[in-house]
Amino acid sequence: NVKIDSVKNKLNELLSEKNFNQETFNDMEKSRIDYSLKSLQ
């Protein structure tokens, strides 16, 4: 779980740093990150 949380934080930080001006993509990407790591769990 520590490994999963660490990668989740990295991915969300990277997305936040990019600051894409597309609300639809940002929302879908946050969900994609969550689904991807839930699949590993």
All heavy atoms as atom14 arrays in JSON, in Angstrom:
{
  "sequence": "NVKIDSVKNKLNELLSEKNFNQETFNDMEKSRIDYSLKSLQ",
  "atom14_mask": [
    [1, 1, 1, 1, 1, 1, 1, 1, 0, 0, 0, 0, 0, 0],
    [1, 1, 1, 1, 1, 1, 1, 0, 0, 0, 0, 0, 0, 0],
    [1, 1, 1, 1, 1, 1, 1, 1, 1, 0, 0, 0, 0, 0],
    [1, 1, 1, 1, 1, 1, 1, 1, 0, 0, 0, 0, 0, 0],
    [1, 1, 1, 1, 1, 1, 1, 1, 0, 0, 0, 0, 0, 0],
    [1, 1, 1, 1, 1, 1, 0, 0, 0, 0, 0, 0, 0, 0],
    [1, 1, 1, 1, 1, 1, 1, 0, 0, 0, 0, 0, 0, 0],
    [1, 1, 1, 1, 1, 1, 1, 1, 1, 0, 0, 0, 0, 0],
    [1, 1, 1, 1, 1, 1, 1, 1, 0, 0, 0, 0, 0, 0],
    [1, 1, 1, 1, 1, 1, 1, 1, 1, 0, 0, 0, 0, 0],
    [1, 1, 1, 1, 1, 1, 1, 1, 0, 0, 0, 0, 0, 0],
    [1, 1, 1, 1, 1, 1, 1, 1, 0, 0, 0, 0, 0, 0],
    [1, 1, 1, 1, 1, 1, 1, 1, 1, 0, 0, 0, 0, 0],
    [1, 1, 1, 1, 1, 1, 1, 1, 0, 0, 0, 0, 0, 0],
    [1, 1, 1, 1, 1, 1, 1, 1, 0, 0, 0, 0, 0, 0],
    [1, 1, 1, 1, 1, 1, 0, 0, 0, 0, 0, 0, 0, 0],
    [1, 1, 1, 1, 1, 1, 1, 1, 1, 0, 0, 0, 0, 0],
    [1, 1, 1, 1, 1, 1, 1, 1, 1, 0, 0, 0, 0, 0],
    [1, 1, 1, 1, 1, 1, 1, 1, 0, 0, 0, 0, 0, 0],
    [1, 1, 1, 1, 1, 1, 1, 1, 1, 1, 1, 0, 0, 0],
    [1, 1, 1, 1, 1, 1, 1, 1, 0, 0, 0, 0, 0, 0],
    [1, 1, 1, 1, 1, 1, 1, 1, 1, 0, 0, 0, 0, 0],
    [1, 1, 1, 1, 1, 1, 1, 1, 1, 0, 0, 0, 0, 0],
    [1, 1, 1, 1, 1, 1, 1, 0, 0, 0, 0, 0, 0, 0],
    [1, 1, 1, 1, 1, 1, 1, 1, 1, 1, 1, 0, 0, 0],
    [1, 1, 1, 1, 1, 1, 1, 1, 0, 0, 0, 0, 0, 0],
    [1, 1, 1, 1, 1, 1, 1, 1, 0, 0, 0, 0, 0, 0],
    [1, 1, 1, 1, 1, 1, 1, 1, 0, 0, 0, 0, 0, 0],
    [1, 1, 1, 1, 1, 1, 1, 1, 1, 0, 0, 0, 0, 0],
    [1, 1, 1, 1, 1, 1, 1, 1, 1, 0, 0, 0, 0, 0],
    [1, 1, 1, 1, 1, 1, 0, 0, 0, 0, 0, 0, 0, 0],
    [1, 1, 1, 1, 1, 1, 1, 1, 1, 1, 1, 0, 0, 0],
    [1, 1, 1, 1, 1, 1, 1, 1, 0, 0, 0, 0, 0, 0],
    [1, 1, 1, 1, 1, 1, 1, 1, 0, 0, 0, 0, 0, 0],
    [1, 1, 1, 1, 1, 1, 1, 1, 1, 1, 1, 1, 0, 0],
    [1, 1, 1, 1, 1, 1, 0, 0, 0, 0, 0, 0, 0, 0],
    [1, 1, 1, 1, 1, 1, 1, 1, 0, 0, 0, 0, 0, 0],
    [1, 1, 1, 1, 1, 1, 1, 1, 1, 0, 0, 0, 0, 0],
    [1, 1, 1, 1, 1, 1, 0, 0, 0, 0, 0, 0, 0, 0],
    [1, 1, 1, 1, 1, 1, 1, 1, 0, 0, 0, 0, 0, 0],
    [1, 1, 1, 1, 1, 1, 1, 1, 1, 0, 0, 0, 0, 0]
  ],
  "atom14_positions": [
    [[0.82, -1.21, 0.0], [0.0, 0.0, 0.0], [0.85, 1.27, 0.0], [0.5, 2.27, -0.62], [-0.94, 0.01, 1.21], [-2.06, -1.0, 1.06], [-2.38, -1.43, -0.04], [-2.67, -1.38, 2.18], [0.0, 0.0, 0.0], [0.0, 0.0, 0.0], [0.0, 0.0, 0.0], [0.0, 0.0, 0.0], [0.0, 0.0, 0.0], [0.0, 0.0, 0.0]],
    [[1.99, 1.21, 0.7], [2.9, 2.35, 0.7], [3.4, 2.62, -0.73], [3.48, 3.78, -1.18], [4.09, 2.11, 1.66], [5.18, 3.16, 1.44], [3.62, 2.15, 3.11], [0.0, 0.0, 0.0], [0.0, 0.0, 0.0], [0.0, 0.0, 0.0], [0.0, 0.0, 0.0], [0.0, 0.0, 0.0], [0.0, 0.0, 0.0], [0.0, 0.0, 0.0]],
    [[3.76, 1.54, -1.44], [4.22, 1.68, -2.83], [3.13, 2.31, -3.7], [3.39, 3.22, -4.5], [4.6, 0.31, -3.4], [5.88, -0.28, -2.86], [7.08, 0.25, -3.66], [8.35, -0.5, -3.3], [9.51, 0.02, -4.04], [0.0, 0.0, 0.0], [0.0, 0.0, 0.0], [0.0, 0.0, 0.0], [0.0, 0.0, 0.0], [0.0, 0.0, 0.0]],
    [[1.91, 1.8, -3.56], [0.8, 2.31, -4.36], [0.56, 3.8, -4.07], [0.41, 4.62, -4.98], [-0.48, 1.51, -4.07], [-0.33, 0.05, -4.54], [-1.69, 2.15, -4.75], [-0.19, -0.13, -6.01], [0.0, 0.0, 0.0], [0.0, 0.0, 0.0], [0.0, 0.0, 0.0], [0.0, 0.0, 0.0], [0.0, 0.0, 0.0], [0.0, 0.0, 0.0]],
    [[0.55, 4.14, -2.8], [0.3, 5.54, -2.42], [1.4, 6.46, -2.92], [1.14, 7.61, -3.34], [0.18, 5.67, -0.9], [-1.1, 5.05, -0.36], [-2.03, 4.85, -1.16], [-1.16, 4.74, 0.84], [0.0, 0.0, 0.0], [0.0, 0.0, 0.0], [0.0, 0.0, 0.0], [0.0, 0.0, 0.0], [0.0, 0.0, 0.0], [0.0, 0.0, 0.0]],
    [[2.64, 5.97, -2.89], [3.76, 6.77, -3.36], [3.62, 7.09, -4.84], [3.83, 8.24, -5.27], [5.08, 6.03, -3.09], [6.17, 6.72, -3.67], [0.0, 0.0, 0.0], [0.0, 0.0, 0.0], [0.0, 0.0, 0.0], [0.0, 0.0, 0.0], [0.0, 0.0, 0.0], [0.0, 0.0, 0.0], [0.0, 0.0, 0.0], [0.0, 0.0, 0.0]],
    [[3.27, 6.07, -5.64], [3.12, 6.29, -7.08], [1.9, 7.17, -7.36], [1.94, 8.04, -8.25], [2.99, 4.93, -7.8], [2.59, 5.14, -9.26], [4.32, 4.19, -7.74], [0.0, 0.0, 0.0], [0.0, 0.0, 0.0], [0.0, 0.0, 0.0], [0.0, 0.0, 0.0], [0.0, 0.0, 0.0], [0.0, 0.0, 0.0], [0.0, 0.0, 0.0]],
    [[0.84, 6.98, -6.61], [-0.35, 7.82, -6.8], [-0.01, 9.28, -6.55], [-0.45, 10.17, -7.31], [-1.46, 7.37, -5.87], [-2.78, 8.1, -6.1], [-3.9, 7.49, -5.28], [-5.23, 8.16, -5.61], [-6.35, 7.55, -4.87], [0.0, 0.0, 0.0], [0.0, 0.0, 0.0], [0.0, 0.0, 0.0], [0.0, 0.0, 0.0], [0.0, 0.0, 0.0]],
    [[0.76, 9.55, -5.53], [1.17, 10.93, -5.23], [2.03, 11.51, -6.35], [1.86, 12.68, -6.75], [1.93, 10.99, -3.91], [1.02, 10.75, -2.71], [-0.18, 10.96, -2.78], [1.61, 10.27, -1.61], [0.0, 0.0, 0.0], [0.0, 0.0, 0.0], [0.0, 0.0, 0.0], [0.0, 0.0, 0.0], [0.0, 0.0, 0.0], [0.0, 0.0, 0.0]],
    [[2.97, 10.71, -6.87], [3.82, 11.17, -7.97], [2.99, 11.53, -9.2], [3.22, 12.56, -9.86], [4.84, 10.1, -8.34], [5.97, 9.92, -7.34], [6.95, 8.85, -7.83], [8.07, 8.64, -6.83], [9.01, 7.57, -7.27], [0.0, 0.0, 0.0], [0.0, 0.0, 0.0], [0.0, 0.0, 0.0], [0.0, 0.0, 0.0], [0.0, 0.0, 0.0]],
    [[2.03, 10.66, -9.53], [1.21, 10.89, -10.71], [0.33, 12.13, -10.55], [0.2, 12.93, -11.49], [0.35, 9.65, -10.99], [1.11, 8.41, -11.45], [0.2, 7.2, -11.51], [1.76, 8.64, -12.81], [0.0, 0.0, 0.0], [0.0, 0.0, 0.0], [0.0, 0.0, 0.0], [0.0, 0.0, 0.0], [0.0, 0.0, 0.0], [0.0, 0.0, 0.0]],
    [[-0.27, 12.28, -9.4], [-1.11, 13.45, -9.18], [-0.29, 14.74, -9.15], [-0.74, 15.79, -9.63], [-1.9, 13.29, -7.88], [-3.08, 12.35, -8.03], [-3.75, 12.35, -9.06], [-3.34, 11.54, -7.02], [0.0, 0.0, 0.0], [0.0, 0.0, 0.0], [0.0, 0.0, 0.0], [0.0, 0.0, 0.0], [0.0, 0.0, 0.0], [0.0, 0.0, 0.0]],
    [[0.93, 14.67, -8.6], [1.81, 15.85, -8.6], [2.21, 16.21, -10.02], [2.24, 17.4, -10.39], [3.06, 15.56, -7.76], [2.81, 15.54, -6.26], [4.02, 15.07, -5.48], [5.11, 14.9, -6.1], [3.9, 14.88, -4.25], [0.0, 0.0, 0.0], [0.0, 0.0, 0.0], [0.0, 0.0, 0.0], [0.0, 0.0, 0.0], [0.0, 0.0, 0.0]],
    [[2.53, 15.21, -10.83], [2.9, 15.48, -12.22], [1.74, 16.12, -12.97], [1.94, 17.1, -13.72], [3.31, 14.17, -12.92], [3.7, 14.28, -14.39], [4.92, 15.17, -14.56], [3.98, 12.89, -14.97], [0.0, 0.0, 0.0], [0.0, 0.0, 0.0], [0.0, 0.0, 0.0], [0.0, 0.0, 0.0], [0.0, 0.0, 0.0], [0.0, 0.0, 0.0]],
    [[0.54, 15.6, -12.78], [-0.63, 16.19, -13.44], [-0.85, 17.63, -12.99], [-1.14, 18.51, -13.81], [-1.86, 15.34, -13.13], [-3.19, 15.83, -13.72], [-3.12, 15.87, -15.24], [-4.35, 14.95, -13.26], [0.0, 0.0, 0.0], [0.0, 0.0, 0.0], [0.0, 0.0, 0.0], [0.0, 0.0, 0.0], [0.0, 0.0, 0.0], [0.0, 0.0, 0.0]],
    [[-0.69, 17.87, -11.7], [-0.88, 19.22, -11.16], [0.16, 20.2, -11.72], [-0.15, 21.34, -12.06], [-0.8, 19.18, -9.64], [-0.96, 20.46, -9.09], [0.0, 0.0, 0.0], [0.0, 0.0, 0.0], [0.0, 0.0, 0.0], [0.0, 0.0, 0.0], [0.0, 0.0, 0.0], [0.0, 0.0, 0.0], [0.0, 0.0, 0.0], [0.0, 0.0, 0.0]],
    [[1.4, 19.73, -11.84], [2.48, 20.58, -12.38], [2.21, 21.0, -13.82], [2.54, 22.12, -14.23], [3.81, 19.82, -12.31], [4.36, 19.64, -10.91], [5.56, 18.7, -10.9], [5.99, 18.27, -12.0], [6.07, 18.4, -9.81], [0.0, 0.0, 0.0], [0.0, 0.0, 0.0], [0.0, 0.0, 0.0], [0.0, 0.0, 0.0], [0.0, 0.0, 0.0]],
    [[1.61, 20.1, -14.6], [1.37, 20.41, -16.01], [0.29, 21.48, -16.18], [0.31, 22.23, -17.16], [0.95, 19.13, -16.75], [2.04, 18.07, -16.82], [3.26, 18.57, -17.56], [4.34, 17.49, -17.65], [5.54, 17.97, -18.36], [0.0, 0.0, 0.0], [0.0, 0.0, 0.0], [0.0, 0.0, 0.0], [0.0, 0.0, 0.0], [0.0, 0.0, 0.0]],
    [[-0.66, 21.5, -15.25], [-1.68, 22.56, -15.25], [-2.35, 22.71, -16.62], [-2.42, 23.79, -17.2], [-1.04, 23.9, -14.84], [-2.08, 24.95, -14.51], [-3.19, 24.62, -14.08], [-1.73, 26.21, -14.71], [0.0, 0.0, 0.0], [0.0, 0.0, 0.0], [0.0, 0.0, 0.0], [0.0, 0.0, 0.0], [0.0, 0.0, 0.0], [0.0, 0.0, 0.0]],
    [[-2.84, 21.58, -17.14], [-3.5, 21.6, -18.45], [-4.8, 22.39, -18.38], [-5.59, 22.24, -17.44], [-3.79, 20.18, -18.92], [-2.56, 19.36, -19.17], [-2.32, 18.21, -18.43], [-1.63, 19.73, -20.12], [-1.19, 17.45, -18.64], [-0.49, 18.98, -20.35], [-0.27, 17.83, -19.6], [0.0, 0.0, 0.0], [0.0, 0.0, 0.0], [0.0, 0.0, 0.0]],
    [[-5.03, 23.19, -19.38], [-6.22, 24.04, -19.4], [-7.37, 23.31, -20.09], [-7.99, 23.81, -21.01], [-5.91, 25.35, -20.13], [-7.03, 26.36, -19.98], [-7.78, 26.32, -19.01], [-7.15, 27.25, -20.96], [0.0, 0.0, 0.0], [0.0, 0.0, 0.0], [0.0, 0.0, 0.0], [0.0, 0.0, 0.0], [0.0, 0.0, 0.0], [0.0, 0.0, 0.0]],
    [[-7.62, 22.07, -19.65], [-8.73, 21.28, -20.17], [-9.39, 20.56, -19.0], [-8.9, 19.54, -18.52], [-8.25, 20.24, -21.19], [-7.97, 20.8, -22.57], [-7.96, 19.7, -23.63], [-8.73, 18.75, -23.58], [-7.07, 19.85, -24.6], [0.0, 0.0, 0.0], [0.0, 0.0, 0.0], [0.0, 0.0, 0.0], [0.0, 0.0, 0.0], [0.0, 0.0, 0.0]],
    [[-10.51, 21.09, -18.56], [-11.16, 20.55, -17.38], [-11.58, 19.1, -17.58], [-11.43, 18.26, -16.69], [-12.38, 21.4, -17.01], [-13.08, 20.95, -15.73], [-14.23, 21.86, -15.36], [-14.4, 22.9, -16.02], [-14.96, 21.51, -14.42], [0.0, 0.0, 0.0], [0.0, 0.0, 0.0], [0.0, 0.0, 0.0], [0.0, 0.0, 0.0], [0.0, 0.0, 0.0]],
    [[-12.1, 18.79, -18.77], [-12.55, 17.42, -19.04], [-11.4, 16.44, -18.93], [-11.51, 15.39, -18.29], [-13.19, 17.32, -20.43], [-14.34, 18.16, -20.48], [-13.6, 15.88, -20.73], [0.0, 0.0, 0.0], [0.0, 0.0, 0.0], [0.0, 0.0, 0.0], [0.0, 0.0, 0.0], [0.0, 0.0, 0.0], [0.0, 0.0, 0.0], [0.0, 0.0, 0.0]],
    [[-10.26, 16.78, -19.56], [-9.11, 15.88, -19.48], [-8.62, 15.75, -18.05], [-8.33, 14.63, -17.59], [-7.96, 16.36, -20.37], [-6.71, 15.56, -20.13], [-6.59, 14.27, -20.62], [-5.65, 16.09, -19.38], [-5.44, 13.52, -20.38], [-4.52, 15.35, -19.13], [-4.41, 14.04, -19.63], [0.0, 0.0, 0.0], [0.0, 0.0, 0.0], [0.0, 0.0, 0.0]],
    [[-8.48, 16.84, -17.34], [-7.98, 16.79, -15.96], [-8.84, 15.87, -15.1], [-8.33, 15.06, -14.32], [-7.94, 18.19, -15.35], [-6.83, 19.05, -15.94], [-5.8, 18.54, -16.37], [-7.05, 20.36, -15.96], [0.0, 0.0, 0.0], [0.0, 0.0, 0.0], [0.0, 0.0, 0.0], [0.0, 0.0, 0.0], [0.0, 0.0, 0.0], [0.0, 0.0, 0.0]],
    [[-10.16, 15.97, -15.25], [-11.06, 15.12, -14.46], [-10.92, 13.66, -14.87], [-10.87, 12.76, -14.01], [-12.51, 15.57, -14.65], [-12.8, 16.91, -13.98], [-11.98, 17.32, -13.12], [-13.82, 17.53, -14.31], [0.0, 0.0, 0.0], [0.0, 0.0, 0.0], [0.0, 0.0, 0.0], [0.0, 0.0, 0.0], [0.0, 0.0, 0.0], [0.0, 0.0, 0.0]],
    [[-10.84, 13.41, -16.19], [-10.71, 12.03, -16.65], [-9.37, 11.43, -16.25], [-9.27, 10.25, -15.88], [-10.89, 11.96, -18.17], [-12.31, 12.24, -18.63], [-12.51, 12.11, -20.43], [-12.39, 10.33, -20.67], [0.0, 0.0, 0.0], [0.0, 0.0, 0.0], [0.0, 0.0, 0.0], [0.0, 0.0, 0.0], [0.0, 0.0, 0.0], [0.0, 0.0, 0.0]],
    [[-8.32, 12.25, -16.28], [-6.99, 11.74, -15.95], [-6.89, 11.4, -14.46], [-6.26, 10.39, -14.09], [-5.93, 12.75, -16.35], [-4.5, 12.31, -16.05], [-4.05, 11.07, -16.81], [-4.79, 10.59, -17.69], [-2.94, 10.57, -16.52], [0.0, 0.0, 0.0], [0.0, 0.0, 0.0], [0.0, 0.0, 0.0], [0.0, 0.0, 0.0], [0.0, 0.0, 0.0]],
    [[-7.49, 12.23, -13.61], [-7.5, 11.89, -12.18], [-8.19, 10.56, -11.95], [-7.74, 9.73, -11.14], [-8.2, 13.0, -11.39], [-7.4, 14.29, -11.29], [-8.2, 15.39, -10.6], [-7.45, 16.71, -10.61], [-8.27, 17.81, -10.01], [0.0, 0.0, 0.0], [0.0, 0.0, 0.0], [0.0, 0.0, 0.0], [0.0, 0.0, 0.0], [0.0, 0.0, 0.0]],
    [[-9.28, 10.34, -12.68], [-10.0, 9.07, -12.56], [-9.17, 7.93, -13.13], [-9.14, 6.82, -12.56], [-11.35, 9.16, -13.29], [-12.19, 10.11, -12.69], [0.0, 0.0, 0.0], [0.0, 0.0, 0.0], [0.0, 0.0, 0.0], [0.0, 0.0, 0.0], [0.0, 0.0, 0.0], [0.0, 0.0, 0.0], [0.0, 0.0, 0.0], [0.0, 0.0, 0.0]],
    [[-8.47, 8.18, -14.25], [-7.64, 7.13, -14.85], [-6.55, 6.7, -13.88], [-6.27, 5.49, -13.73], [-7.01, 7.63, -16.16], [-6.27, 6.54, -16.93], [-5.74, 7.09, -18.24], [-4.49, 7.8, -18.08], [-3.28, 7.3, -18.35], [-3.16, 6.04, -18.75], [-2.21, 8.04, -18.2], [0.0, 0.0, 0.0], [0.0, 0.0, 0.0], [0.0, 0.0, 0.0]],
    [[-5.91, 7.63, -13.23], [-4.88, 7.31, -12.23], [-5.48, 6.45, -11.13], [-4.9, 5.43, -10.74], [-4.28, 8.61, -11.65], [-3.46, 9.35, -12.71], [-3.41, 8.29, -10.42], [-3.05, 10.75, -12.29], [0.0, 0.0, 0.0], [0.0, 0.0, 0.0], [0.0, 0.0, 0.0], [0.0, 0.0, 0.0], [0.0, 0.0, 0.0], [0.0, 0.0, 0.0]],
    [[-6.64, 6.85, -10.65], [-7.29, 6.11, -9.57], [-7.65, 4.69, -10.0], [-7.38, 3.72, -9.28], [-8.53, 6.87, -9.11], [-9.14, 6.26, -7.86], [-8.41, 6.09, -6.87], [-10.35, 5.95, -7.88], [0.0, 0.0, 0.0], [0.0, 0.0, 0.0], [0.0, 0.0, 0.0], [0.0, 0.0, 0.0], [0.0, 0.0, 0.0], [0.0, 0.0, 0.0]],
    [[-8.26, 4.55, -11.16], [-8.64, 3.22, -11.65], [-7.42, 2.33, -11.87], [-7.44, 1.13, -11.58], [-9.41, 3.34, -12.97], [-10.77, 3.98, -12.87], [-11.2, 4.89, -13.85], [-11.63, 3.71, -11.81], [-12.45, 5.48, -13.78], [-12.89, 4.31, -11.73], [-13.28, 5.2, -12.71], [-14.52, 5.79, -12.64], [0.0, 0.0, 0.0], [0.0, 0.0, 0.0]],
    [[-6.37, 2.93, -12.41], [-5.16, 2.16, -12.7], [-4.57, 1.54, -11.44], [-4.23, 0.35, -11.4], [-4.12, 3.06, -13.37], [-2.9, 2.4, -13.54], [0.0, 0.0, 0.0], [0.0, 0.0, 0.0], [0.0, 0.0, 0.0], [0.0, 0.0, 0.0], [0.0, 0.0, 0.0], [0.0, 0.0, 0.0], [0.0, 0.0, 0.0], [0.0, 0.0, 0.0]],
    [[-4.48, 2.34, -10.37], [-3.9, 1.84, -9.14], [-4.87, 0.94, -8.38], [-4.44, 0.0, -7.7], [-3.45, 3.02, -8.28], [-2.35, 3.86, -8.94], [-1.98, 5.05, -8.07], [-1.11, 3.03, -9.24], [0.0, 0.0, 0.0], [0.0, 0.0, 0.0], [0.0, 0.0, 0.0], [0.0, 0.0, 0.0], [0.0, 0.0, 0.0], [0.0, 0.0, 0.0]],
    [[-6.16, 1.18, -8.53], [-7.14, 0.26, -7.93], [-7.05, -1.12, -8.58], [-7.27, -2.15, -7.92], [-8.56, 0.83, -8.08], [-8.96, 1.79, -6.96], [-10.41, 2.2, -7.08], [-10.91, 2.9, -5.82], [-10.21, 4.12, -5.49], [0.0, 0.0, 0.0], [0.0, 0.0, 0.0], [0.0, 0.0, 0.0], [0.0, 0.0, 0.0], [0.0, 0.0, 0.0]],
    [[-6.74, -1.16, -9.86], [-6.58, -2.45, -10.54], [-5.41, -3.23, -9.94], [-5.49, -4.46, -9.78], [-6.35, -2.25, -12.04], [-7.52, -1.78, -12.67], [0.0, 0.0, 0.0], [0.0, 0.0, 0.0], [0.0, 0.0, 0.0], [0.0, 0.0, 0.0], [0.0, 0.0, 0.0], [0.0, 0.0, 0.0], [0.0, 0.0, 0.0], [0.0, 0.0, 0.0]],
    [[-4.33, -2.53, -9.62], [-3.19, -3.19, -8.97], [-3.59, -3.7, -7.59], [-3.24, -4.83, -7.21], [-2.02, -2.23, -8.86], [-1.43, -1.69, -10.16], [-0.25, -0.78, -9.87], [-1.02, -2.82, -11.09], [0.0, 0.0, 0.0], [0.0, 0.0, 0.0], [0.0, 0.0, 0.0], [0.0, 0.0, 0.0], [0.0, 0.0, 0.0], [0.0, 0.0, 0.0]],
    [[-4.34, -2.91, -6.85], [-4.82, -3.34, -5.54], [-5.74, -4.54, -5.67], [-5.72, -5.46, -4.84], [-5.59, -2.2, -4.86], [-4.73, -1.04, -4.37], [-5.59, 0.05, -3.78], [-6.09, 0.92, -4.48], [-5.77, 0.0, -2.48], [0.0, 0.0, 0.0], [0.0, 0.0, 0.0], [0.0, 0.0, 0.0], [0.0, 0.0, 0.0], [0.0, 0.0, 0.0]]
  ]
}
